[in-house]
C-alpha atoms as a PDB file:
ATOM      1  CA  MET A   1     104.350 128.633  81.964  1.00  0.00           C
ATOM      2  CA  ASN A   2     107.556 128.936  83.313  1.00  0.00           C
ATOM      3  CA  ALA A   3     110.508 125.996  82.464  1.00  0.00           C
ATOM      4  CA  GLY A   4     110.159 124.201  85.921  1.00  0.00           C
ATOM      5  CA  LYS A   5     106.283 123.777  85.780  1.00  0.00           C
ATOM      6  CA  SER A   6     106.358 122.871  82.389  1.00  0.00           C
ATOM      7  CA  LYS A   7     108.874 120.183  82.869  1.00  0.00           C
ATOM      8  CA  ARG A   8     106.776 118.935  85.765  1.00  0.00           C
ATOM      9  CA  ILE A   9     103.392 119.345  84.143  1.00  0.00           C
ATOM     10  CA  GLN A  10     104.617 116.641  81.469  1.00  0.00           C
ATOM     11  CA  ARG A  11     105.320 114.232  83.967  1.00  0.00           C
ATOM     12  CA  ILE A  12     101.501 114.115  84.785  1.00  0.00           C
ATOM     13  CA  LEU A  13     100.090 115.096  81.256  1.00  0.00           C
ATOM     14  CA  ARG A  14     101.415 112.904  78.170  1.00  0.00           C
ATOM     15  CA  ASP A  15     102.292 114.480  74.857  1.00  0.00           C
ATOM     16  CA  ASP A  16      98.735 114.102  73.823  1.00  0.00           C
ATOM     17  CA  GLY A  17      97.541 116.302  76.630  1.00  0.00           C
ATOM     18  CA  LYS A  18      95.810 113.588  78.625  1.00  0.00           C
ATOM     19  CA  THR A  19      96.358 111.707  81.650  1.00  0.00           C
ATOM     20  CA  VAL A  20      95.253 108.666  83.593  1.00  0.00           C
ATOM     21  CA  ILE A  21      95.441 109.422  87.532  1.00  0.00           C
ATOM     22  CA  VAL A  22      94.807 107.017  90.294  1.00  0.00           C
ATOM     23  CA  PRO A  23      94.289 108.946  93.641  1.00  0.00           C
ATOM     24  CA  MET A  24      94.883 106.918  96.676  1.00  0.00           C
ATOM     25  CA  ASP A  25      94.838 109.818  99.244  1.00  0.00           C
ATOM     26  CA  HIS A  26      91.455 108.362 100.788  1.00  0.00           C
ATOM     27  CA  GLY A  27      93.367 107.338 104.047  1.00  0.00           C
ATOM     28  CA  VAL A  28      93.031 110.945 105.389  1.00  0.00           C
ATOM     29  CA  THR A  29      89.403 110.761 105.053  1.00  0.00           C
ATOM     30  CA  ASN A  30      88.365 107.148 105.686  1.00  0.00           C
ATOM     31  CA  GLY A  31      91.315 105.427 107.356  1.00  0.00           C
ATOM     32  CA  PRO A  32      92.622 102.301 105.878  1.00  0.00           C
ATOM     33  CA  MET A  33      89.867 101.505 103.826  1.00  0.00           C
ATOM     34  CA  ALA A  34      89.687  98.324 101.332  1.00  0.00           C
ATOM     35  CA  GLY A  35      92.325  98.243  98.546  1.00  0.00           C
ATOM     36  CA  LEU A  36      94.214 100.851 100.328  1.00  0.00           C
ATOM     37  CA  THR A  37      95.669  98.702 103.584  1.00  0.00           C
ATOM     38  CA  ASP A  38      98.851  97.688 101.931  1.00  0.00           C
ATOM     39  CA  MET A  39     100.265 100.825  99.741  1.00  0.00           C
ATOM     40  CA  GLN A  40     103.199  99.491  98.436  1.00  0.00           C
ATOM     41  CA  ASP A  41     101.311  96.442  96.845  1.00  0.00           C
ATOM     42  CA  ILE A  42      98.459  98.689  95.207  1.00  0.00           C
ATOM     43  CA  LEU A  43     101.117 101.093  94.116  1.00  0.00           C
ATOM     44  CA  ARG A  44     102.939  98.426  92.438  1.00  0.00           C
ATOM     45  CA  LYS A  45      99.910  97.362  90.544  1.00  0.00           C
ATOM     46  CA  VAL A  46      98.861 100.819  89.175  1.00  0.00           C
ATOM     47  CA  ILE A  47     102.551 101.255  88.141  1.00  0.00           C
ATOM     48  CA  LEU A  48     102.277  98.027  86.455  1.00  0.00           C
ATOM     49  CA  GLY A  49      98.962  99.168  84.581  1.00  0.00           C
ATOM     50  CA  GLY A  50     100.704 102.385  83.146  1.00  0.00           C
ATOM     51  CA  ALA A  51      98.913 104.886  85.496  1.00  0.00           C
ATOM     52  CA  ASP A  52     100.573 108.500  84.386  1.00  0.00           C
ATOM     53  CA  ALA A  53     100.222 109.790  88.038  1.00  0.00           C
ATOM     54  CA  THR A  54      98.923 109.016  91.586  1.00  0.00           C
ATOM     55  CA  VAL A  55      97.854 111.460  94.497  1.00  0.00           C
ATOM     56  CA  ILE A  56      98.834 110.866  97.785  1.00  0.00           C
ATOM     57  CA  HIS A  57      99.295 112.330 101.099  1.00  0.00           C
ATOM     58  CA  LYS A  58     103.057 113.171 102.232  1.00  0.00           C
ATOM     59  CA  GLY A  59     103.166 110.712 104.864  1.00  0.00           C
ATOM     60  CA  ILE A  60     102.760 108.040 102.236  1.00  0.00           C
ATOM     61  CA  ALA A  61     105.060 109.814  99.958  1.00  0.00           C
ATOM     62  CA  LYS A  62     107.799 109.559 102.533  1.00  0.00           C
ATOM     63  CA  ARG A  63     107.228 105.925 103.265  1.00  0.00           C
ATOM     64  CA  PHE A  64     106.567 104.291  99.684  1.00  0.00           C
ATOM     65  CA  ASP A  65     108.040 104.011  96.165  1.00  0.00           C
ATOM     66  CA  THR A  66     105.898 105.605  93.383  1.00  0.00           C
ATOM     67  CA  GLY A  67     108.184 104.607  90.691  1.00  0.00           C
ATOM     68  CA  ARG A  68     107.875 106.583  87.405  1.00  0.00           C
ATOM     69  CA  MET A  69     104.462 107.749  88.057  1.00  0.00           C
ATOM     70  CA  GLY A  70     103.998 111.576  88.299  1.00  0.00           C
ATOM     71  CA  LEU A  71     103.851 112.038  92.004  1.00  0.00           C
ATOM     72  CA  ILE A  72     101.248 114.716  93.200  1.00  0.00           C
ATOM     73  CA  ILE A  73     101.138 115.242  96.643  1.00  0.00           C
ATOM     74  CA  HIS A  74      97.588 116.377  98.297  1.00  0.00           C
ATOM     75  CA  LEU A  75      97.993 119.371 100.454  1.00  0.00           C
ATOM     76  CA  THR A  76      94.425 119.591 102.009  1.00  0.00           C
ATOM     77  CA  GLY A  77      92.645 117.215 104.129  1.00  0.00           C
ATOM     78  CA  SER A  78      89.606 116.555 106.449  1.00  0.00           C
ATOM     79  CA  THR A  79      88.210 113.330 108.200  1.00  0.00           C
ATOM     80  CA  SER A  80      84.850 111.723 107.862  1.00  0.00           C
ATOM     81  CA  MET A  81      84.640 112.216 111.648  1.00  0.00           C
ATOM     82  CA  SER A  82      84.930 116.153 111.727  1.00  0.00           C
ATOM     83  CA  ARG A  83      81.798 118.178 112.569  1.00  0.00           C
ATOM     84  CA  ASP A  84      82.321 119.859 109.068  1.00  0.00           C
ATOM     85  CA  PRO A  85      83.764 117.049 106.799  1.00  0.00           C
ATOM     86  CA  ASN A  86      83.719 119.455 103.896  1.00  0.00           C
ATOM     87  CA  TRP A  87      85.778 122.015 104.959  1.00  0.00           C
ATOM     88  CA  LYS A  88      89.558 121.001 103.762  1.00  0.00           C
ATOM     89  CA  VAL A  89      92.279 122.458 105.612  1.00  0.00           C
ATOM     90  CA  GLN A  90      96.216 122.766 104.498  1.00  0.00           C
ATOM     91  CA  VAL A  91      98.267 120.122 105.995  1.00  0.00           C
ATOM     92  CA  CYS A  92     101.441 120.310 103.661  1.00  0.00           C
ATOM     93  CA  SER A  93     103.194 123.093 102.007  1.00  0.00           C
ATOM     94  CA  VAL A  94     104.086 123.224  98.374  1.00  0.00           C
ATOM     95  CA  GLU A  95     108.239 123.526  99.510  1.00  0.00           C
ATOM     96  CA  GLU A  96     107.578 120.161 101.575  1.00  0.00           C
ATOM     97  CA  ALA A  97     105.882 118.601  98.663  1.00  0.00           C
ATOM     98  CA  LEU A  98     109.073 119.336  96.758  1.00  0.00           C
ATOM     99  CA  ARG A  99     111.490 117.946  99.391  1.00  0.00           C
ATOM    100  CA  LEU A 100     109.405 114.729  98.857  1.00  0.00           C
ATOM    101  CA  GLY A 101     109.876 114.759  95.079  1.00  0.00           C
ATOM    102  CA  ALA A 102     106.672 115.785  94.145  1.00  0.00           C
ATOM    103  CA  ASP A 103     105.670 116.780  90.289  1.00  0.00           C
ATOM    104  CA  GLY A 104     102.677 118.726  91.395  1.00  0.00           C
ATOM    105  CA  VAL A 105     100.262 119.095  94.255  1.00  0.00           C
ATOM    106  CA  SER A 106      96.781 119.260  94.484  1.00  0.00           C
ATOM    107  CA  VAL A 107      94.120 120.929  96.788  1.00  0.00           C
ATOM    108  CA  GLN A 108      90.382 120.329  97.163  1.00  0.00           C
ATOM    109  CA  VAL A 109      87.636 123.085  97.130  1.00  0.00           C
ATOM    110  CA  ASN A 110      84.015 122.180  98.251  1.00  0.00           C
ATOM    111  CA  VAL A 111      82.159 124.840  96.283  1.00  0.00           C
ATOM    112  CA  GLY A 112      78.865 125.901  97.811  1.00  0.00           C
ATOM    113  CA  SER A 113      79.995 124.684 101.370  1.00  0.00           C
ATOM    114  CA  ALA A 114      80.024 126.672 104.396  1.00  0.00           C
ATOM    115  CA  ARG A 115      83.573 127.543 104.615  1.00  0.00           C
ATOM    116  CA  GLU A 116      84.242 127.772 100.786  1.00  0.00           C
ATOM    117  CA  HIS A 117      85.707 131.231 101.349  1.00  0.00           C
ATOM    118  CA  LEU A 118      88.256 129.918 103.485  1.00  0.00           C
ATOM    119  CA  MET A 119      89.345 127.112 101.383  1.00  0.00           C
ATOM    120  CA  LEU A 120      89.671 129.628  98.490  1.00  0.00           C
ATOM    121  CA  LYS A 121      91.768 131.958 100.345  1.00  0.00           C
ATOM    122  CA  GLU A 122      93.939 129.024 101.210  1.00  0.00           C
ATOM    123  CA  MET A 123      94.009 127.870  97.679  1.00  0.00           C
ATOM    124  CA  GLY A 124      95.009 131.364  96.342  1.00  0.00           C
ATOM    125  CA  LYS A 125      98.049 131.473  98.354  1.00  0.00           C
ATOM    126  CA  ILE A 126      98.779 127.795  97.135  1.00  0.00           C
ATOM    127  CA  ALA A 127      98.563 129.042  93.388  1.00  0.00           C
ATOM    128  CA  GLU A 128     101.008 131.763  94.238  1.00  0.00           C
ATOM    129  CA  ASP A 129     103.715 129.329  95.854  1.00  0.00           C
ATOM    130  CA  CYS A 130     103.033 126.970  92.922  1.00  0.00           C
ATOM    131  CA  GLU A 131     103.908 129.848  90.427  1.00  0.00           C
ATOM    132  CA  ARG A 132     106.735 131.150  92.144  1.00  0.00           C
ATOM    133  CA  LEU A 133     108.332 127.546  92.713  1.00  0.00           C
ATOM    134  CA  GLY A 134     107.265 126.213  89.255  1.00  0.00           C
ATOM    135  CA  VAL A 135     104.922 123.412  90.472  1.00  0.00           C
ATOM    136  CA  PRO A 136     101.616 122.506  88.613  1.00  0.00           C
ATOM    137  CA  LEU A 137      98.383 122.774  90.574  1.00  0.00           C
ATOM    138  CA  LEU A 138      95.437 120.399  90.368  1.00  0.00           C
ATOM    139  CA  ALA A 139      92.363 121.644  91.863  1.00  0.00           C
ATOM    140  CA  MET A 140      89.672 119.079  93.092  1.00  0.00           C
ATOM    141  CA  MET A 141      86.531 121.363  92.461  1.00  0.00           C
ATOM    142  CA  TYR A 142      83.760 119.911  93.450  1.00  0.00           C
ATOM    143  CA  PRO A 143      79.985 121.541  94.156  1.00  0.00           C
ATOM    144  CA  ARG A 144      79.263 120.116  97.696  1.00  0.00           C
ATOM    145  CA  GLY A 145      77.247 121.576 100.315  1.00  0.00           C
ATOM    146  CA  LYS A 146      74.016 121.520 102.346  1.00  0.00           C
ATOM    147  CA  ASP A 147      72.222 123.786  99.646  1.00  0.00           C
ATOM    148  CA  VAL A 148      73.770 121.610  96.892  1.00  0.00           C
ATOM    149  CA  LYS A 149      70.828 119.455  95.437  1.00  0.00           C
ATOM    150  CA  ASP A 150      72.650 117.873  92.377  1.00  0.00           C
ATOM    151  CA  GLU A 151      76.401 117.870  92.778  1.00  0.00           C
ATOM    152  CA  GLN A 152      76.422 116.692  88.951  1.00  0.00           C
ATOM    153  CA  ALA A 153      74.643 119.932  87.723  1.00  0.00           C
ATOM    154  CA  ALA A 154      76.216 121.322  84.523  1.00  0.00           C
ATOM    155  CA  GLU A 155      75.843 124.648  85.517  1.00  0.00           C
ATOM    156  CA  LEU A 156      77.415 123.971  88.893  1.00  0.00           C
ATOM    157  CA  VAL A 157      80.181 122.030  87.964  1.00  0.00           C
ATOM    158  CA  ALA A 158      80.892 124.364  84.958  1.00  0.00           C
ATOM    159  CA  HIS A 159      81.086 127.287  87.704  1.00  0.00           C
ATOM    160  CA  ALA A 160      83.345 125.076  90.017  1.00  0.00           C
ATOM    161  CA  ALA A 161      85.558 124.132  86.809  1.00  0.00           C
ATOM    162  CA  ARG A 162      85.929 127.809  86.065  1.00  0.00           C
ATOM    163  CA  LEU A 163      86.391 129.005  89.773  1.00  0.00           C
ATOM    164  CA  GLY A 164      89.497 126.716  89.932  1.00  0.00           C
ATOM    165  CA  ALA A 165      90.845 128.101  86.520  1.00  0.00           C
ATOM    166  CA  GLU A 166      90.378 131.732  87.710  1.00  0.00           C
ATOM    167  CA  ILE A 167      92.010 131.158  91.218  1.00  0.00           C
ATOM    168  CA  GLY A 168      95.032 129.492  89.223  1.00  0.00           C
ATOM    169  CA  ALA A 169      94.775 126.000  88.759  1.00  0.00           C
ATOM    170  CA  ASP A 170      96.410 124.595  85.848  1.00  0.00           C
ATOM    171  CA  ILE A 171      94.393 121.374  85.927  1.00  0.00           C
ATOM    172  CA  ILE A 172      90.747 121.032  87.137  1.00  0.00           C
ATOM    173  CA  LYS A 173      89.377 117.490  88.508  1.00  0.00           C
ATOM    174  CA  THR A 174      85.438 117.466  88.744  1.00  0.00           C
ATOM    175  CA  ASN A 175      82.381 115.774  88.487  1.00  0.00           C
ATOM    176  CA  TYR A 176      81.211 114.355  85.158  1.00  0.00           C
ATOM    177  CA  THR A 177      77.794 115.911  84.229  1.00  0.00           C
ATOM    178  CA  GLY A 178      76.301 112.700  83.190  1.00  0.00           C
ATOM    179  CA  SER A 179      76.439 113.149  79.182  1.00  0.00           C
ATOM    180  CA  PRO A 180      78.703 114.670  76.648  1.00  0.00           C
ATOM    181  CA  GLU A 181      76.538 117.398  75.774  1.00  0.00           C
ATOM    182  CA  THR A 182      76.583 119.006  79.322  1.00  0.00           C
ATOM    183  CA  PHE A 183      79.985 118.252  79.730  1.00  0.00           C
ATOM    184  CA  ARG A 184      81.120 119.852  76.666  1.00  0.00           C
ATOM    185  CA  ASP A 185      79.798 123.190  77.848  1.00  0.00           C
ATOM    186  CA  VAL A 186      82.042 122.631  80.951  1.00  0.00           C
ATOM    187  CA  LEU A 187      84.833 122.064  79.056  1.00  0.00           C
ATOM    188  CA  GLU A 188      84.050 125.325  77.026  1.00  0.00           C
ATOM    189  CA  GLY A 189      83.799 127.314  79.879  1.00  0.00           C
ATOM    190  CA  CYS A 190      87.240 126.388  81.421  1.00  0.00           C
ATOM    191  CA  PRO A 191      90.525 127.488  79.867  1.00  0.00           C
ATOM    192  CA  VAL A 192      92.718 124.674  81.485  1.00  0.00           C
ATOM    193  CA  PRO A 193      92.560 121.075  81.178  1.00  0.00           C
ATOM    194  CA  VAL A 194      89.654 119.354  82.971  1.00  0.00           C
ATOM    195  CA  ILE A 195      89.760 115.622  83.919  1.00  0.00           C
ATOM    196  CA  ILE A 196      86.892 113.958  85.707  1.00  0.00           C
ATOM    197  CA  ALA A 197      86.640 112.261  89.006  1.00  0.00           C
ATOM    198  CA  GLY A 198      85.598 108.329  89.725  1.00  0.00           C
ATOM    199  CA  GLY A 199      82.835 109.178  92.359  1.00  0.00           C
ATOM    200  CA  PRO A 200      81.694 106.387  94.520  1.00  0.00           C
ATOM    201  CA  LYS A 201      82.324 102.645  93.553  1.00  0.00           C
ATOM    202  CA  ALA A 202      80.357 102.367  90.141  1.00  0.00           C
ATOM    203  CA  LYS A 203      77.633  99.561  89.895  1.00  0.00           C
ATOM    204  CA  THR A 204      79.378  98.249  86.819  1.00  0.00           C
ATOM    205  CA  VAL A 205      82.798  98.102  85.399  1.00  0.00           C
ATOM    206  CA  GLU A 206      81.355  99.214  81.974  1.00  0.00           C
ATOM    207  CA  ASP A 207      79.594 102.245  83.394  1.00  0.00           C
ATOM    208  CA  ILE A 208      83.252 103.607  84.538  1.00  0.00           C
ATOM    209  CA  LEU A 209      84.645 103.042  81.224  1.00  0.00           C
ATOM    210  CA  GLN A 210      81.732 104.409  79.501  1.00  0.00           C
ATOM    211  CA  MET A 211      82.047 107.627  81.684  1.00  0.00           C
ATOM    212  CA  ALA A 212      85.923 107.677  81.122  1.00  0.00           C
ATOM    213  CA  TYR A 213      85.223 107.317  77.001  1.00  0.00           C
ATOM    214  CA  ASP A 214      82.233 109.918  76.938  1.00  0.00           C
ATOM    215  CA  SER A 215      84.371 112.600  78.838  1.00  0.00           C
ATOM    216  CA  VAL A 216      87.657 112.038  76.424  1.00  0.00           C
ATOM    217  CA  GLN A 217      85.407 111.661  73.427  1.00  0.00           C
ATOM    218  CA  CYS A 218      83.994 115.403  73.986  1.00  0.00           C
ATOM    219  CA  GLY A 219      87.412 116.891  74.597  1.00  0.00           C
ATOM    220  CA  GLY A 220      88.221 115.815  78.350  1.00  0.00           C
ATOM    221  CA  ALA A 221      91.781 115.665  79.407  1.00  0.00           C
ATOM    222  CA  GLY A 222      91.173 112.205  81.026  1.00  0.00           C
ATOM    223  CA  VAL A 223      90.563 110.666  84.445  1.00  0.00           C
ATOM    224  CA  SER A 224      91.311 110.670  88.160  1.00  0.00           C
ATOM    225  CA  ILE A 225      89.761 107.590  89.402  1.00  0.00           C
ATOM    226  CA  GLY A 226      90.253 105.851  92.817  1.00  0.00           C
ATOM    227  CA  ARG A 227      87.982 103.286  94.079  1.00  0.00           C
ATOM    228  CA  ASN A 228      87.060 102.045  91.006  1.00  0.00           C
ATOM    229  CA  VAL A 229      90.657 101.310  90.260  1.00  0.00           C
ATOM    230  CA  PHE A 230      92.032 100.138  93.871  1.00  0.00           C
ATOM    231  CA  GLN A 231      89.153  98.426  94.784  1.00  0.00           C
ATOM    232  CA  HIS A 232      88.620  96.395  91.603  1.00  0.00           C
ATOM    233  CA  LYS A 233      89.583  92.757  91.479  1.00  0.00           C
ATOM    234  CA  ASP A 234      92.568  93.636  89.248  1.00  0.00           C
ATOM    235  CA  PRO A 235      93.580  97.219  89.706  1.00  0.00           C
ATOM    236  CA  THR A 236      96.293  96.817  86.846  1.00  0.00           C
ATOM    237  CA  ALA A 237      93.993  95.653  84.250  1.00  0.00           C
ATOM    238  CA  MET A 238      91.570  98.454  85.116  1.00  0.00           C
ATOM    239  CA  VAL A 239      94.404 100.753  84.799  1.00  0.00           C
ATOM    240  CA  LYS A 240      95.311  99.331  81.498  1.00  0.00           C
ATOM    241  CA  ALA A 241      91.546  99.520  80.256  1.00  0.00           C
ATOM    242  CA  LEU A 242      91.246 103.230  81.218  1.00  0.00           C
ATOM    243  CA  SER A 243      94.841 104.135  79.561  1.00  0.00           C
ATOM    244  CA  ALA A 244      93.573 102.172  76.383  1.00  0.00           C
ATOM    245  CA  ILE A 245      90.179 104.377  76.475  1.00  0.00           C
ATOM    246  CA  VAL A 246      92.290 107.841  77.308  1.00  0.00           C
ATOM    247  CA  HIS A 247      95.227 107.462  75.263  1.00  0.00           C
ATOM    248  CA  GLU A 248      94.548 104.965  72.510  1.00  0.00           C
ATOM    249  CA  ASN A 249      91.028 106.120  71.403  1.00  0.00           C
ATOM    250  CA  ALA A 250      89.931 102.605  72.367  1.00  0.00           C
ATOM    251  CA  SER A 251      86.251 101.794  72.609  1.00  0.00           C
ATOM    252  CA  VAL A 252      84.429 100.756  75.939  1.00  0.00           C
ATOM    253  CA  ARG A 253      84.178  97.089  74.246  1.00  0.00           C
ATOM    254  CA  ASP A 254      87.727  97.228  73.821  1.00  0.00           C
ATOM    255  CA  GLY A 255      88.447  98.057  77.588  1.00  0.00           C
ATOM    256  CA  LEU A 256      86.184  95.387  78.755  1.00  0.00           C
ATOM    257  CA  LYS A 257      88.446  92.911  76.696  1.00  0.00           C
ATOM    258  CA  VAL A 258      91.313  94.245  78.302  1.00  0.00           C
ATOM    259  CA  LEU A 259      89.659  93.381  81.699  1.00  0.00           C
ATOM    260  CA  GLY A 260      88.571  90.002  80.528  1.00  0.00           C
ATOM    261  CA  GLU A 261      84.631  91.025  80.706  1.00  0.00           C
ATOM    262  CA  LYS A 262      82.088  89.578  78.604  1.00  0.00           C
ATOM    263  CA  THR A 263      80.991  92.145  75.586  1.00  0.00           C
END
C-alpha cells in the first residue's frame, strides 16, 4: 500500500482496524427520505456520536461540512425509478472525489444482476485509478438479482466479498449472513477487511446491535449502517452505542444502556 493510501485509510479505520461508518448516500436512490431531509443536521448528529466516516455523494460533499469524520464519496448510483435499479453506473471520478476532499471512494456492485459484468468492468478501472492516486476503495458487494433467492446466503456473500477483493477493493461492505459461524466463513475467504451493511430498518434496536456485536466478535472490521442510525430517534446515541460495541468490546446490553433502552 502506498503512503497516500495508507494515510487516508487511517482516517477511515481506527488503530484497532475497525470502523463505524454511517452511509447517507440514499438520496440518489430514494430521494429525500426520512432522516436525510436536513443533511447538515444529521451530519452534525453523527459527528457528535463519534462516527469514524460517512459515505455521501459528491453534491452533498460540496455543500455540507463532514467535520473530522472520514469522507468517502460514492462513485456509482441508480434510482429506484429505473427500469434496472440494480445497474449502478459511475457518476463521479476518483479525481473529482479527491478535489472535494475525499479520504476514500466507494462503488456498488450487485453480484448476480443482469449487468454485473458492466459494473465489474467499471470497478476494475476505478480500482486502477485508486491505486495510481493512493485512494482507499470501499466496495459494496451484494448478492442481488432476479435469480438470487437469498441475499444473505453464506456462499453467495462469501463469493461477493472475495470478488470485491480480487478486483482491487481495500475494504468490503456486504450483508451479514445471519450467524457468527457462517459469517466467519466469509471472513476467512476474504483477504481484506469486511464490514457489514445495516440493511432495511430493523424491527428492534436490539436486533441491529446484536448483528453488529456478532459480526465483530467473529472478526469483522465493523459496520456501515445507514437507516438504522439516521432514522433512529437519537442518531447520536445510536452511533455511540455502535462505537462502543465495535471499538470497546461492549456488550449488546451495554449498547442498550447507552441508548437508554430497557435491558
